[in-house]
Amino acid sequence: MTKFLLAVHVIAAIVAIGPVTVAASMFPPAARRALTAPDDDNPAETLRLLHRICRVYAVVGVVVPVFGFATASEMHVLGSAWLIVSIVLTALAALVLGALVLPAQTALVEGAGGRRNTARLAMYTGLFNLLWAAVTVLMIVRPGSTTGA
């Protein structure tokens, strides 16, 4: 059962978190392009698509910690420091996405904000991606790993 839970957890992370990090990273430059061509529908459509990807996959991404907890419970590592740090970083990443990235994207899609907002959004997105990178490293190089790595 552990291998199944771990496989679902890893696949969910790749399928759900990957698209959010890529789409969120693509959004600020696309927003800058949209601001320079306000009469062109193509950049605005791109923004709406990227924002939709971020919203949908953010919801789908809830599967990642659910299966992560199930896997950790099955492996009896729920009290491990590396896992607790990963949980905190995951919660921070979700907070950054839900409270900073998505609202800033929504504002830009709706036409509010300017170039300064895109720079701030790029910073929030970078923080979100950095948090996920740290979680990924902790998941791979976890202290006390039985893989020998």
N, C-alpha and C. Protein backbone atom coordinates (compact mmCIF):
# COMPACT_ATOMS: atom_id res chain seq x y z
N MET A 1 0.81 -1.19 0.00
CA MET A 1 0.00 0.00 0.00
C MET A 1 0.86 1.26 0.00
N THR A 2 1.99 1.21 0.68
CA THR A 2 2.87 2.38 0.76
C THR A 2 3.35 2.79 -0.63
N LYS A 3 3.74 1.84 -1.43
CA LYS A 3 4.23 2.17 -2.77
C LYS A 3 3.13 2.78 -3.62
N PHE A 4 1.91 2.28 -3.50
CA PHE A 4 0.79 2.85 -4.24
C PHE A 4 0.55 4.30 -3.80
N LEU A 5 0.48 4.54 -2.49
CA LEU A 5 0.25 5.90 -1.98
C LEU A 5 1.36 6.85 -2.41
N LEU A 6 2.59 6.37 -2.33
CA LEU A 6 3.72 7.20 -2.73
C LEU A 6 3.68 7.51 -4.22
N ALA A 7 3.33 6.52 -5.02
CA ALA A 7 3.24 6.73 -6.46
C ALA A 7 2.15 7.76 -6.79
N VAL A 8 1.00 7.64 -6.16
CA VAL A 8 -0.08 8.61 -6.40
C VAL A 8 0.34 10.00 -5.94
N HIS A 9 1.01 10.07 -4.79
CA HIS A 9 1.49 11.35 -4.27
C HIS A 9 2.46 12.02 -5.25
N VAL A 10 3.41 11.27 -5.75
CA VAL A 10 4.41 11.83 -6.68
C VAL A 10 3.76 12.20 -8.01
N ILE A 11 2.92 11.34 -8.54
CA ILE A 11 2.24 11.64 -9.81
C ILE A 11 1.35 12.87 -9.65
N ALA A 12 0.62 12.95 -8.54
CA ALA A 12 -0.23 14.12 -8.30
C ALA A 12 0.61 15.39 -8.21
N ALA A 13 1.77 15.31 -7.57
CA ALA A 13 2.64 16.48 -7.47
C ALA A 13 3.10 16.93 -8.85
N ILE A 14 3.46 16.00 -9.69
CA ILE A 14 3.92 16.34 -11.03
C ILE A 14 2.78 16.91 -11.86
N VAL A 15 1.64 16.22 -11.84
CA VAL A 15 0.50 16.61 -12.68
C VAL A 15 -0.19 17.88 -12.18
N ALA A 16 -0.26 18.07 -10.88
CA ALA A 16 -1.00 19.22 -10.33
C ALA A 16 -0.12 20.43 -10.06
N ILE A 17 1.00 20.23 -9.44
CA ILE A 17 1.84 21.36 -9.04
C ILE A 17 2.66 21.88 -10.22
N GLY A 18 3.10 21.00 -11.08
CA GLY A 18 3.88 21.42 -12.26
C GLY A 18 3.17 22.47 -13.10
N PRO A 19 1.94 22.21 -13.53
CA PRO A 19 1.24 23.21 -14.34
C PRO A 19 1.04 24.55 -13.64
N VAL A 20 0.79 24.52 -12.33
CA VAL A 20 0.61 25.78 -11.60
C VAL A 20 1.90 26.58 -11.60
N THR A 21 3.02 25.92 -11.33
CA THR A 21 4.27 26.65 -11.28
C THR A 21 4.65 27.21 -12.65
N VAL A 22 4.41 26.44 -13.70
CA VAL A 22 4.74 26.92 -15.04
C VAL A 22 3.80 28.06 -15.46
N ALA A 23 2.49 27.85 -15.31
CA ALA A 23 1.53 28.88 -15.72
C ALA A 23 1.70 30.15 -14.89
N ALA A 24 1.93 30.00 -13.60
CA ALA A 24 2.13 31.18 -12.75
C ALA A 24 3.39 31.93 -13.16
N SER A 25 4.43 31.20 -13.54
CA SER A 25 5.67 31.85 -13.98
C SER A 25 5.50 32.56 -15.32
N MET A 26 4.65 32.02 -16.17
CA MET A 26 4.42 32.62 -17.49
C MET A 26 3.51 33.85 -17.40
N PHE A 27 2.73 33.95 -16.34
CA PHE A 27 1.72 35.00 -16.24
C PHE A 27 2.30 36.42 -16.21
N PRO A 28 3.28 36.74 -15.35
CA PRO A 28 3.76 38.14 -15.31
C PRO A 28 4.29 38.67 -16.64
N PRO A 29 5.12 37.91 -17.38
CA PRO A 29 5.55 38.43 -18.68
C PRO A 29 4.38 38.58 -19.66
N ALA A 30 3.44 37.65 -19.61
CA ALA A 30 2.26 37.75 -20.48
C ALA A 30 1.44 38.98 -20.09
N ALA A 31 1.36 39.27 -18.82
CA ALA A 31 0.62 40.46 -18.36
C ALA A 31 1.31 41.74 -18.85
N ARG A 32 2.64 41.75 -18.81
CA ARG A 32 3.36 42.94 -19.33
C ARG A 32 3.09 43.13 -20.81
N ARG A 33 3.06 42.02 -21.56
CA ARG A 33 2.74 42.11 -22.99
C ARG A 33 1.32 42.61 -23.20
N ALA A 34 0.40 42.15 -22.38
CA ALA A 34 -1.00 42.58 -22.49
C ALA A 34 -1.14 44.06 -22.16
N LEU A 35 -0.34 44.54 -21.23
CA LEU A 35 -0.41 45.97 -20.87
C LEU A 35 0.12 46.86 -21.99
N THR A 36 1.06 46.34 -22.77
CA THR A 36 1.62 47.16 -23.86
C THR A 36 0.74 47.14 -25.10
N ALA A 37 -0.20 46.19 -25.15
CA ALA A 37 -1.11 46.10 -26.31
C ALA A 37 -2.55 45.93 -25.82
N PRO A 38 -3.11 46.96 -25.20
CA PRO A 38 -4.44 46.81 -24.59
C PRO A 38 -5.56 46.50 -25.58
N ASP A 39 -5.38 46.84 -26.86
CA ASP A 39 -6.43 46.58 -27.85
C ASP A 39 -6.31 45.21 -28.50
N ASP A 40 -5.22 44.50 -28.21
CA ASP A 40 -5.00 43.18 -28.80
C ASP A 40 -5.62 42.12 -27.90
N ASP A 41 -6.51 41.31 -28.45
CA ASP A 41 -7.20 40.29 -27.66
C ASP A 41 -6.32 39.07 -27.35
N ASN A 42 -5.31 38.82 -28.16
CA ASN A 42 -4.49 37.63 -27.98
C ASN A 42 -3.78 37.60 -26.61
N PRO A 43 -3.07 38.66 -26.20
CA PRO A 43 -2.44 38.62 -24.88
C PRO A 43 -3.47 38.51 -23.75
N ALA A 44 -4.62 39.15 -23.90
CA ALA A 44 -5.66 39.06 -22.87
C ALA A 44 -6.20 37.63 -22.76
N GLU A 45 -6.36 36.97 -23.89
CA GLU A 45 -6.80 35.57 -23.88
C GLU A 45 -5.76 34.67 -23.21
N THR A 46 -4.51 34.97 -23.49
CA THR A 46 -3.42 34.20 -22.86
C THR A 46 -3.48 34.35 -21.34
N LEU A 47 -3.70 35.57 -20.88
CA LEU A 47 -3.80 35.81 -19.43
C LEU A 47 -4.95 35.01 -18.83
N ARG A 48 -6.09 35.05 -19.46
CA ARG A 48 -7.24 34.32 -18.95
C ARG A 48 -6.95 32.81 -18.90
N LEU A 49 -6.30 32.30 -19.93
CA LEU A 49 -5.97 30.87 -19.95
C LEU A 49 -4.98 30.51 -18.83
N LEU A 50 -3.93 31.30 -18.69
CA LEU A 50 -2.94 31.02 -17.65
C LEU A 50 -3.56 31.10 -16.26
N HIS A 51 -4.43 32.09 -16.07
CA HIS A 51 -5.10 32.25 -14.77
C HIS A 51 -6.02 31.05 -14.50
N ARG A 52 -6.71 30.61 -15.51
CA ARG A 52 -7.60 29.45 -15.35
C ARG A 52 -6.80 28.19 -15.01
N ILE A 53 -5.68 28.01 -15.67
CA ILE A 53 -4.81 26.87 -15.36
C ILE A 53 -4.39 26.93 -13.89
N CYS A 54 -3.98 28.10 -13.44
CA CYS A 54 -3.55 28.24 -12.05
C CYS A 54 -4.68 27.93 -11.07
N ARG A 55 -5.86 28.45 -11.35
CA ARG A 55 -7.01 28.22 -10.45
C ARG A 55 -7.40 26.74 -10.41
N VAL A 56 -7.53 26.14 -11.58
CA VAL A 56 -7.98 24.75 -11.64
C VAL A 56 -6.96 23.82 -11.00
N TYR A 57 -5.70 23.97 -11.36
CA TYR A 57 -4.69 23.06 -10.82
C TYR A 57 -4.37 23.34 -9.36
N ALA A 58 -4.67 24.53 -8.87
CA ALA A 58 -4.54 24.80 -7.44
C ALA A 58 -5.53 23.95 -6.66
N VAL A 59 -6.74 23.82 -7.19
CA VAL A 59 -7.75 22.97 -6.55
C VAL A 59 -7.36 21.50 -6.66
N VAL A 60 -6.92 21.10 -7.84
CA VAL A 60 -6.50 19.71 -8.04
C VAL A 60 -5.29 19.39 -7.14
N GLY A 61 -4.46 20.39 -6.90
CA GLY A 61 -3.25 20.21 -6.08
C GLY A 61 -3.52 19.80 -4.65
N VAL A 62 -4.75 19.94 -4.18
CA VAL A 62 -5.09 19.50 -2.82
C VAL A 62 -4.84 18.01 -2.65
N VAL A 63 -4.89 17.28 -3.75
CA VAL A 63 -4.65 15.83 -3.71
C VAL A 63 -3.22 15.54 -3.24
N VAL A 64 -2.28 16.42 -3.53
CA VAL A 64 -0.88 16.17 -3.20
C VAL A 64 -0.68 16.01 -1.69
N PRO A 65 -1.07 17.00 -0.87
CA PRO A 65 -0.87 16.79 0.57
C PRO A 65 -1.76 15.69 1.15
N VAL A 66 -2.93 15.47 0.58
CA VAL A 66 -3.79 14.40 1.08
C VAL A 66 -3.07 13.06 0.96
N PHE A 67 -2.54 12.78 -0.22
CA PHE A 67 -1.81 11.52 -0.40
C PHE A 67 -0.45 11.56 0.29
N GLY A 68 0.10 12.75 0.48
CA GLY A 68 1.34 12.88 1.24
C GLY A 68 1.15 12.46 2.69
N PHE A 69 0.06 12.94 3.29
CA PHE A 69 -0.24 12.54 4.67
C PHE A 69 -0.50 11.03 4.76
N ALA A 70 -1.24 10.50 3.81
CA ALA A 70 -1.53 9.06 3.81
C ALA A 70 -0.23 8.26 3.69
N THR A 71 0.65 8.71 2.81
CA THR A 71 1.93 8.02 2.63
C THR A 71 2.78 8.11 3.89
N ALA A 72 2.87 9.30 4.47
CA ALA A 72 3.67 9.50 5.69
C ALA A 72 3.12 8.66 6.84
N SER A 73 1.81 8.58 6.93
CA SER A 73 1.20 7.78 7.98
C SER A 73 1.54 6.30 7.79
N GLU A 74 1.44 5.85 6.56
CA GLU A 74 1.76 4.44 6.24
C GLU A 74 3.24 4.14 6.51
N MET A 75 4.10 5.13 6.31
CA MET A 75 5.54 4.95 6.51
C MET A 75 5.96 5.23 7.96
N HIS A 76 5.01 5.68 8.78
CA HIS A 76 5.26 5.99 10.19
C HIS A 76 6.32 7.08 10.37
N VAL A 77 6.21 8.14 9.56
CA VAL A 77 7.17 9.25 9.65
C VAL A 77 6.48 10.59 9.93
N LEU A 78 5.24 10.55 10.41
CA LEU A 78 4.49 11.79 10.62
C LEU A 78 5.17 12.75 11.60
N GLY A 79 5.96 12.24 12.52
CA GLY A 79 6.63 13.11 13.49
C GLY A 79 8.02 13.54 13.08
N SER A 80 8.47 13.16 11.90
CA SER A 80 9.83 13.49 11.46
C SER A 80 9.97 14.97 11.16
N ALA A 81 11.10 15.52 11.56
CA ALA A 81 11.32 16.96 11.39
C ALA A 81 11.26 17.38 9.92
N TRP A 82 11.85 16.58 9.02
CA TRP A 82 11.85 16.94 7.60
C TRP A 82 10.43 16.99 7.05
N LEU A 83 9.56 16.12 7.55
CA LEU A 83 8.18 16.11 7.09
C LEU A 83 7.42 17.30 7.64
N ILE A 84 7.64 17.63 8.90
CA ILE A 84 6.98 18.78 9.49
C ILE A 84 7.38 20.06 8.77
N VAL A 85 8.67 20.19 8.45
CA VAL A 85 9.14 21.36 7.69
C VAL A 85 8.48 21.37 6.31
N SER A 86 8.38 20.21 5.68
CA SER A 86 7.72 20.12 4.37
C SER A 86 6.26 20.53 4.44
N ILE A 87 5.58 20.12 5.50
CA ILE A 87 4.18 20.48 5.69
C ILE A 87 4.03 21.99 5.86
N VAL A 88 4.90 22.57 6.66
CA VAL A 88 4.86 24.03 6.87
C VAL A 88 5.13 24.76 5.56
N LEU A 89 6.15 24.33 4.82
CA LEU A 89 6.46 24.97 3.54
C LEU A 89 5.34 24.80 2.52
N THR A 90 4.70 23.63 2.53
CA THR A 90 3.56 23.40 1.64
C THR A 90 2.41 24.33 2.00
N ALA A 91 2.14 24.48 3.28
CA ALA A 91 1.08 25.39 3.73
C ALA A 91 1.41 26.83 3.34
N LEU A 92 2.67 27.21 3.48
CA LEU A 92 3.09 28.56 3.06
C LEU A 92 2.91 28.75 1.56
N ALA A 93 3.28 27.73 0.79
CA ALA A 93 3.12 27.82 -0.67
C ALA A 93 1.64 27.97 -1.03
N ALA A 94 0.78 27.21 -0.37
CA ALA A 94 -0.66 27.32 -0.62
C ALA A 94 -1.17 28.70 -0.24
N LEU A 95 -0.67 29.23 0.86
CA LEU A 95 -1.07 30.58 1.30
C LEU A 95 -0.62 31.64 0.29
N VAL A 96 0.62 31.54 -0.16
CA VAL A 96 1.13 32.48 -1.16
C VAL A 96 0.31 32.40 -2.44
N LEU A 97 0.00 31.20 -2.87
CA LEU A 97 -0.80 31.03 -4.08
C LEU A 97 -2.20 31.60 -3.90
N GLY A 98 -2.86 31.20 -2.81
CA GLY A 98 -4.25 31.60 -2.60
C GLY A 98 -4.45 33.05 -2.20
N ALA A 99 -3.50 33.60 -1.46
CA ALA A 99 -3.68 34.96 -0.94
C ALA A 99 -2.95 36.03 -1.74
N LEU A 100 -1.93 35.64 -2.51
CA LEU A 100 -1.14 36.65 -3.22
C LEU A 100 -1.15 36.46 -4.74
N VAL A 101 -0.81 35.26 -5.20
CA VAL A 101 -0.67 35.04 -6.64
C VAL A 101 -2.02 35.10 -7.36
N LEU A 102 -2.97 34.28 -6.94
CA LEU A 102 -4.26 34.23 -7.64
C LEU A 102 -5.02 35.55 -7.59
N PRO A 103 -5.09 36.24 -6.45
CA PRO A 103 -5.77 37.54 -6.45
C PRO A 103 -5.08 38.58 -7.34
N ALA A 104 -3.75 38.55 -7.36
CA ALA A 104 -3.03 39.50 -8.23
C ALA A 104 -3.28 39.17 -9.70
N GLN A 105 -3.34 37.89 -10.03
CA GLN A 105 -3.66 37.50 -11.40
C GLN A 105 -5.08 37.95 -11.75
N THR A 106 -6.01 37.73 -10.85
CA THR A 106 -7.40 38.12 -11.10
C THR A 106 -7.49 39.61 -11.38
N ALA A 107 -6.80 40.40 -10.59
CA ALA A 107 -6.82 41.86 -10.78
C ALA A 107 -6.28 42.23 -12.15
N LEU A 108 -5.21 41.61 -12.57
CA LEU A 108 -4.63 41.91 -13.88
C LEU A 108 -5.53 41.43 -15.01
N VAL A 109 -6.16 40.27 -14.85
CA VAL A 109 -7.08 39.78 -15.87
C VAL A 109 -8.26 40.73 -16.03
N GLU A 110 -8.71 41.28 -14.91
CA GLU A 110 -9.84 42.20 -14.93
C GLU A 110 -9.46 43.62 -15.33
N GLY A 111 -8.18 43.85 -15.61
CA GLY A 111 -7.74 45.16 -16.08
C GLY A 111 -7.28 46.12 -15.01
N ALA A 112 -7.25 45.68 -13.77
CA ALA A 112 -6.76 46.54 -12.69
C ALA A 112 -5.26 46.33 -12.52
N GLY A 113 -4.56 47.40 -12.28
CA GLY A 113 -3.13 47.29 -12.04
C GLY A 113 -2.31 47.56 -13.28
N GLY A 114 -1.05 47.81 -13.04
CA GLY A 114 -0.14 48.13 -14.13
C GLY A 114 1.15 47.35 -14.02
N ARG A 115 2.18 47.92 -14.60
CA ARG A 115 3.49 47.26 -14.66
C ARG A 115 4.03 46.95 -13.27
N ARG A 116 3.80 47.84 -12.32
CA ARG A 116 4.28 47.61 -10.95
C ARG A 116 3.62 46.34 -10.37
N ASN A 117 2.34 46.14 -10.70
CA ASN A 117 1.65 44.95 -10.21
C ASN A 117 2.23 43.68 -10.81
N THR A 118 2.69 43.75 -12.04
CA THR A 118 3.29 42.55 -12.65
C THR A 118 4.62 42.21 -11.98
N ALA A 119 5.36 43.24 -11.57
CA ALA A 119 6.63 42.99 -10.88
C ALA A 119 6.37 42.35 -9.52
N ARG A 120 5.38 42.85 -8.81
CA ARG A 120 5.03 42.29 -7.52
C ARG A 120 4.53 40.84 -7.69
N LEU A 121 3.72 40.62 -8.70
CA LEU A 121 3.23 39.27 -8.97
C LEU A 121 4.39 38.33 -9.30
N ALA A 122 5.35 38.80 -10.06
CA ALA A 122 6.52 37.97 -10.38
C ALA A 122 7.27 37.58 -9.10
N MET A 123 7.34 38.51 -8.14
CA MET A 123 8.00 38.21 -6.87
C MET A 123 7.21 37.16 -6.09
N TYR A 124 5.89 37.32 -6.03
CA TYR A 124 5.06 36.34 -5.33
C TYR A 124 5.18 34.96 -5.99
N THR A 125 5.18 34.95 -7.30
CA THR A 125 5.28 33.69 -8.04
C THR A 125 6.64 33.04 -7.79
N GLY A 126 7.69 33.83 -7.78
CA GLY A 126 9.02 33.30 -7.47
C GLY A 126 9.08 32.69 -6.08
N LEU A 127 8.45 33.35 -5.11
CA LEU A 127 8.40 32.81 -3.75
C LEU A 127 7.63 31.49 -3.72
N PHE A 128 6.49 31.46 -4.41
CA PHE A 128 5.70 30.23 -4.50
C PHE A 128 6.54 29.10 -5.09
N ASN A 129 7.23 29.36 -6.18
CA ASN A 129 8.05 28.33 -6.84
C ASN A 129 9.23 27.91 -5.96
N LEU A 130 9.82 28.85 -5.26
CA LEU A 130 10.94 28.53 -4.36
C LEU A 130 10.48 27.63 -3.22
N LEU A 131 9.31 27.91 -2.67
CA LEU A 131 8.78 27.06 -1.61
C LEU A 131 8.56 25.63 -2.10
N TRP A 132 7.99 25.49 -3.31
CA TRP A 132 7.78 24.15 -3.85
C TRP A 132 9.10 23.46 -4.16
N ALA A 133 10.09 24.22 -4.60
CA ALA A 133 11.41 23.61 -4.85
C ALA A 133 12.01 23.09 -3.55
N ALA A 134 11.86 23.85 -2.48
CA ALA A 134 12.38 23.42 -1.17
C ALA A 134 11.67 22.15 -0.70
N VAL A 135 10.35 22.10 -0.87
CA VAL A 135 9.59 20.90 -0.49
C VAL A 135 10.06 19.70 -1.32
N THR A 136 10.27 19.91 -2.59
CA THR A 136 10.72 18.83 -3.46
C THR A 136 12.07 18.30 -3.01
N VAL A 137 12.99 19.20 -2.70
CA VAL A 137 14.31 18.77 -2.22
C VAL A 137 14.17 17.98 -0.92
N LEU A 138 13.34 18.46 0.00
CA LEU A 138 13.15 17.73 1.25
C LEU A 138 12.54 16.34 1.01
N MET A 139 11.68 16.23 0.04
CA MET A 139 11.06 14.94 -0.26
C MET A 139 12.08 13.97 -0.86
N ILE A 140 13.04 14.49 -1.60
CA ILE A 140 14.03 13.63 -2.25
C ILE A 140 15.18 13.29 -1.31
N VAL A 141 15.67 14.27 -0.60
CA VAL A 141 16.87 14.10 0.23
C VAL A 141 16.50 14.09 1.71
N ARG A 142 15.39 13.51 2.03
CA ARG A 142 14.91 13.56 3.40
C ARG A 142 15.92 12.93 4.36
N PRO A 143 16.14 13.61 5.49
CA PRO A 143 17.06 13.04 6.50
C PRO A 143 16.52 11.70 7.01
N GLY A 144 17.41 10.79 7.22
CA GLY A 144 17.02 9.46 7.71
C GLY A 144 16.46 8.57 6.64
N SER A 145 16.65 8.95 5.38
CA SER A 145 16.12 8.17 4.28
C SER A 145 16.69 6.76 4.29
N THR A 146 15.85 5.83 3.92
CA THR A 146 16.30 4.45 3.84
C THR A 146 16.83 4.12 2.45
N THR A 147 16.87 5.11 1.56
CA THR A 147 17.35 4.83 0.20
C THR A 147 18.86 4.84 0.12
N GLY A 148 19.52 5.32 1.17
CA GLY A 148 20.97 5.36 1.15
C GLY A 148 21.52 6.58 0.45
N ALA A 149 20.67 7.45 -0.05
CA ALA A 149 21.12 8.66 -0.74
C ALA A 149 21.56 9.72 0.23
